[in-house]
Every structure is written in structure tokens, then in C-alpha cells.
Amino acid sequence: PVDTIRIQRTFQTRWPTIEKALKTNTRNIDAENKYDFLKALECLPSGGSYTEMIRSLDEETRSKGRSWLQSLVDDVVGLWPETD
């Protein structure tokens, strides 16, 4: 419980910096794979569920999507260093 309160206070203190980075920081985003993945999605016929659409993509395109999404996760996680 004490650690939780400390972490919450630290987050509150750092929030302005984190918020600014979330709004402006795109340097770690896998832009090429994002573009390729979204372009492939645009070419699919509409009407199915998102899951069905993703499953219909070839493995290379799905891999690009995973890479792009992982780059987003890594970028956001990088805003919150574990050490204090």
C-alpha cells in the first residue's frame, strides 16, 4: 500500500511531462510498418469484424502491424522509468 501511494504521487508529479511526450513524441514509432499495415487494411473489403480483417491479412502484413503496435507500447512504457 505505501509503495502504491508513492507510485501514484510520482505519476501525478510527472504527469505534465508524460502528457506532453504522449502528445508530441513520435520518434520511436515504427512509421514504415504503420503505413504498410494501415494501407493493407484500407484495401480489404468492409463488412467483417476487425478480427476477421486481421486474420485475412498475410503473415508479413500482420507482422508489420504487430511491430508497429509494439513500438507504440515501447514508446509509452519508456515514458515511465522503473527506477526512482
N, C-alpha and C. Protein backbone atom coordinates (compact mmCIF):
# COMPACT_ATOMS: atom_id res chain seq x y z
N PRO A 1 0.81 -1.21 0.00
CA PRO A 1 0.00 0.00 0.00
C PRO A 1 0.86 1.28 0.00
N VAL A 2 1.90 1.33 0.82
CA VAL A 2 2.74 2.51 0.88
C VAL A 2 3.41 2.73 -0.47
N ASP A 3 3.88 1.65 -1.11
CA ASP A 3 4.50 1.75 -2.43
C ASP A 3 3.51 2.26 -3.47
N THR A 4 2.28 1.80 -3.37
CA THR A 4 1.25 2.22 -4.31
C THR A 4 1.02 3.73 -4.21
N ILE A 5 0.95 4.23 -3.02
CA ILE A 5 0.75 5.67 -2.82
C ILE A 5 1.94 6.45 -3.36
N ARG A 6 3.15 5.97 -3.13
CA ARG A 6 4.36 6.62 -3.63
C ARG A 6 4.35 6.65 -5.16
N ILE A 7 3.99 5.53 -5.76
CA ILE A 7 3.94 5.44 -7.22
C ILE A 7 2.88 6.39 -7.78
N GLN A 8 1.72 6.45 -7.15
CA GLN A 8 0.66 7.35 -7.61
C GLN A 8 1.08 8.81 -7.49
N ARG A 9 1.75 9.15 -6.41
CA ARG A 9 2.22 10.54 -6.25
C ARG A 9 3.29 10.88 -7.28
N THR A 10 4.17 9.93 -7.54
CA THR A 10 5.20 10.15 -8.55
C THR A 10 4.56 10.34 -9.91
N PHE A 11 3.58 9.50 -10.23
CA PHE A 11 2.87 9.63 -11.50
C PHE A 11 2.21 11.00 -11.61
N GLN A 12 1.56 11.44 -10.55
CA GLN A 12 0.89 12.74 -10.54
C GLN A 12 1.90 13.86 -10.76
N THR A 13 3.04 13.76 -10.14
CA THR A 13 4.08 14.78 -10.30
C THR A 13 4.63 14.79 -11.71
N ARG A 14 4.82 13.62 -12.28
CA ARG A 14 5.39 13.51 -13.63
C ARG A 14 4.37 13.67 -14.75
N TRP A 15 3.08 13.68 -14.42
CA TRP A 15 2.06 13.69 -15.46
C TRP A 15 2.24 14.80 -16.50
N PRO A 16 2.52 16.05 -16.14
CA PRO A 16 2.67 17.07 -17.18
C PRO A 16 3.74 16.71 -18.23
N THR A 17 4.83 16.14 -17.78
CA THR A 17 5.89 15.73 -18.70
C THR A 17 5.45 14.55 -19.55
N ILE A 18 4.80 13.58 -18.93
CA ILE A 18 4.31 12.40 -19.66
C ILE A 18 3.25 12.82 -20.68
N GLU A 19 2.34 13.67 -20.26
CA GLU A 19 1.27 14.12 -21.17
C GLU A 19 1.86 14.83 -22.39
N LYS A 20 2.82 15.70 -22.16
CA LYS A 20 3.45 16.42 -23.27
C LYS A 20 4.12 15.43 -24.22
N ALA A 21 4.82 14.46 -23.68
CA ALA A 21 5.50 13.46 -24.51
C ALA A 21 4.50 12.63 -25.30
N LEU A 22 3.39 12.27 -24.69
CA LEU A 22 2.36 11.50 -25.39
C LEU A 22 1.78 12.28 -26.57
N LYS A 23 1.68 13.58 -26.40
CA LYS A 23 1.10 14.41 -27.45
C LYS A 23 2.10 14.76 -28.55
N THR A 24 3.39 14.72 -28.25
CA THR A 24 4.36 15.20 -29.23
C THR A 24 5.41 14.18 -29.63
N ASN A 25 5.64 13.16 -28.86
CA ASN A 25 6.76 12.24 -29.10
C ASN A 25 6.36 11.13 -30.06
N THR A 26 6.91 11.17 -31.25
CA THR A 26 6.67 10.10 -32.21
C THR A 26 7.96 9.54 -32.77
N ARG A 27 9.06 9.87 -32.18
CA ARG A 27 10.35 9.45 -32.75
C ARG A 27 10.60 7.95 -32.64
N ASN A 28 9.95 7.26 -31.72
CA ASN A 28 10.18 5.83 -31.55
C ASN A 28 9.09 4.97 -32.19
N ILE A 29 8.21 5.59 -32.94
CA ILE A 29 7.10 4.86 -33.56
C ILE A 29 7.57 4.29 -34.89
N ASP A 30 7.21 3.07 -35.15
CA ASP A 30 7.59 2.36 -36.37
C ASP A 30 6.70 2.82 -37.52
N ALA A 31 7.01 4.00 -38.06
CA ALA A 31 6.14 4.65 -39.05
C ALA A 31 6.02 3.85 -40.34
N GLU A 32 7.09 3.24 -40.80
CA GLU A 32 7.03 2.49 -42.06
C GLU A 32 6.07 1.32 -41.95
N ASN A 33 6.19 0.55 -40.87
CA ASN A 33 5.28 -0.58 -40.69
C ASN A 33 3.85 -0.12 -40.44
N LYS A 34 3.69 1.01 -39.76
CA LYS A 34 2.35 1.57 -39.56
C LYS A 34 1.71 1.86 -40.92
N TYR A 35 2.45 2.54 -41.77
CA TYR A 35 1.93 2.90 -43.09
C TYR A 35 1.56 1.65 -43.89
N ASP A 36 2.45 0.67 -43.94
CA ASP A 36 2.20 -0.55 -44.71
C ASP A 36 0.98 -1.31 -44.17
N PHE A 37 0.90 -1.41 -42.86
CA PHE A 37 -0.21 -2.14 -42.23
C PHE A 37 -1.54 -1.45 -42.51
N LEU A 38 -1.60 -0.14 -42.28
CA LEU A 38 -2.86 0.58 -42.49
C LEU A 38 -3.25 0.61 -43.96
N LYS A 39 -2.28 0.69 -44.84
CA LYS A 39 -2.56 0.66 -46.28
C LYS A 39 -3.20 -0.68 -46.65
N ALA A 40 -2.67 -1.78 -46.10
CA ALA A 40 -3.23 -3.10 -46.37
C ALA A 40 -4.67 -3.21 -45.84
N LEU A 41 -4.93 -2.63 -44.67
CA LEU A 41 -6.29 -2.66 -44.12
C LEU A 41 -7.26 -1.91 -45.02
N GLU A 42 -6.81 -0.79 -45.57
CA GLU A 42 -7.67 0.00 -46.45
C GLU A 42 -8.09 -0.77 -47.70
N CYS A 43 -7.27 -1.71 -48.12
CA CYS A 43 -7.55 -2.47 -49.35
C CYS A 43 -8.52 -3.63 -49.12
N LEU A 44 -8.81 -3.94 -47.88
CA LEU A 44 -9.71 -5.05 -47.58
C LEU A 44 -11.16 -4.63 -47.76
N PRO A 45 -12.01 -5.55 -48.17
CA PRO A 45 -13.44 -5.22 -48.26
C PRO A 45 -14.01 -4.97 -46.87
N SER A 46 -14.90 -4.03 -46.77
CA SER A 46 -15.51 -3.73 -45.47
C SER A 46 -16.64 -4.72 -45.19
N GLY A 47 -17.07 -4.72 -43.95
CA GLY A 47 -18.21 -5.55 -43.60
C GLY A 47 -17.90 -6.61 -42.55
N GLY A 48 -16.67 -7.04 -42.47
CA GLY A 48 -16.31 -8.04 -41.47
C GLY A 48 -15.88 -7.38 -40.17
N SER A 49 -15.68 -8.21 -39.18
CA SER A 49 -15.19 -7.69 -37.90
C SER A 49 -13.70 -7.37 -38.03
N TYR A 50 -13.20 -6.59 -37.11
CA TYR A 50 -11.78 -6.24 -37.10
C TYR A 50 -10.93 -7.51 -37.04
N THR A 51 -11.32 -8.44 -36.19
CA THR A 51 -10.58 -9.69 -36.04
C THR A 51 -10.54 -10.47 -37.35
N GLU A 52 -11.66 -10.54 -38.02
CA GLU A 52 -11.71 -11.23 -39.32
C GLU A 52 -10.82 -10.55 -40.34
N MET A 53 -10.82 -9.23 -40.32
CA MET A 53 -9.97 -8.49 -41.25
C MET A 53 -8.49 -8.78 -41.00
N ILE A 54 -8.10 -8.77 -39.74
CA ILE A 54 -6.70 -9.03 -39.41
C ILE A 54 -6.32 -10.45 -39.81
N ARG A 55 -7.18 -11.39 -39.53
CA ARG A 55 -6.90 -12.79 -39.89
C ARG A 55 -6.77 -12.99 -41.40
N SER A 56 -7.43 -12.15 -42.18
CA SER A 56 -7.37 -12.30 -43.63
C SER A 56 -6.08 -11.74 -44.24
N LEU A 57 -5.32 -11.00 -43.44
CA LEU A 57 -4.06 -10.44 -43.94
C LEU A 57 -2.98 -11.52 -43.99
N ASP A 58 -2.02 -11.35 -44.88
CA ASP A 58 -0.91 -12.30 -44.92
C ASP A 58 -0.02 -12.10 -43.70
N GLU A 59 0.81 -13.09 -43.41
CA GLU A 59 1.63 -13.08 -42.20
C GLU A 59 2.57 -11.87 -42.18
N GLU A 60 3.14 -11.52 -43.30
CA GLU A 60 4.07 -10.37 -43.34
C GLU A 60 3.37 -9.08 -42.90
N THR A 61 2.17 -8.87 -43.38
CA THR A 61 1.42 -7.67 -43.03
C THR A 61 1.02 -7.69 -41.56
N ARG A 62 0.58 -8.85 -41.07
CA ARG A 62 0.24 -8.96 -39.64
C ARG A 62 1.47 -8.69 -38.78
N SER A 63 2.62 -9.17 -39.23
CA SER A 63 3.87 -8.93 -38.50
C SER A 63 4.20 -7.44 -38.46
N LYS A 64 3.96 -6.75 -39.56
CA LYS A 64 4.17 -5.29 -39.59
C LYS A 64 3.24 -4.60 -38.61
N GLY A 65 2.00 -5.05 -38.54
CA GLY A 65 1.05 -4.48 -37.59
C GLY A 65 1.49 -4.70 -36.15
N ARG A 66 1.95 -5.92 -35.87
CA ARG A 66 2.43 -6.21 -34.51
C ARG A 66 3.64 -5.35 -34.16
N SER A 67 4.54 -5.20 -35.12
CA SER A 67 5.74 -4.40 -34.90
C SER A 67 5.38 -2.95 -34.61
N TRP A 68 4.47 -2.41 -35.38
CA TRP A 68 4.04 -1.03 -35.18
C TRP A 68 3.38 -0.87 -33.80
N LEU A 69 2.46 -1.77 -33.46
CA LEU A 69 1.79 -1.67 -32.16
C LEU A 69 2.77 -1.85 -31.01
N GLN A 70 3.75 -2.75 -31.16
CA GLN A 70 4.75 -2.93 -30.10
C GLN A 70 5.59 -1.66 -29.95
N SER A 71 5.86 -0.97 -31.06
CA SER A 71 6.63 0.27 -30.96
C SER A 71 5.85 1.33 -30.17
N LEU A 72 4.53 1.33 -30.31
CA LEU A 72 3.71 2.25 -29.51
C LEU A 72 3.80 1.91 -28.03
N VAL A 73 3.68 0.63 -27.72
CA VAL A 73 3.78 0.18 -26.32
C VAL A 73 5.14 0.55 -25.75
N ASP A 74 6.20 0.23 -26.48
CA ASP A 74 7.55 0.51 -26.00
C ASP A 74 7.76 2.00 -25.77
N ASP A 75 7.22 2.82 -26.65
CA ASP A 75 7.36 4.27 -26.52
C ASP A 75 6.68 4.76 -25.25
N VAL A 76 5.45 4.30 -25.01
CA VAL A 76 4.72 4.74 -23.83
C VAL A 76 5.37 4.21 -22.55
N VAL A 77 5.79 2.96 -22.55
CA VAL A 77 6.47 2.38 -21.38
C VAL A 77 7.75 3.16 -21.08
N GLY A 78 8.43 3.62 -22.13
CA GLY A 78 9.65 4.38 -21.94
C GLY A 78 9.45 5.71 -21.26
N LEU A 79 8.23 6.20 -21.21
CA LEU A 79 7.94 7.46 -20.53
C LEU A 79 7.91 7.29 -19.02
N TRP A 80 7.85 6.06 -18.58
CA TRP A 80 7.73 5.81 -17.13
C TRP A 80 8.90 4.93 -16.67
N PRO A 81 10.04 5.54 -16.37
CA PRO A 81 11.18 4.73 -15.93
C PRO A 81 10.89 4.01 -14.62
N GLU A 82 11.37 2.79 -14.52
CA GLU A 82 11.11 1.98 -13.33
C GLU A 82 11.95 2.40 -12.13
N THR A 83 13.07 3.02 -12.36
CA THR A 83 13.96 3.36 -11.27
C THR A 83 13.60 4.70 -10.67
N ASP A 84 13.70 4.77 -9.38
CA ASP A 84 13.48 6.00 -8.63
C ASP A 84 14.40 6.05 -7.45
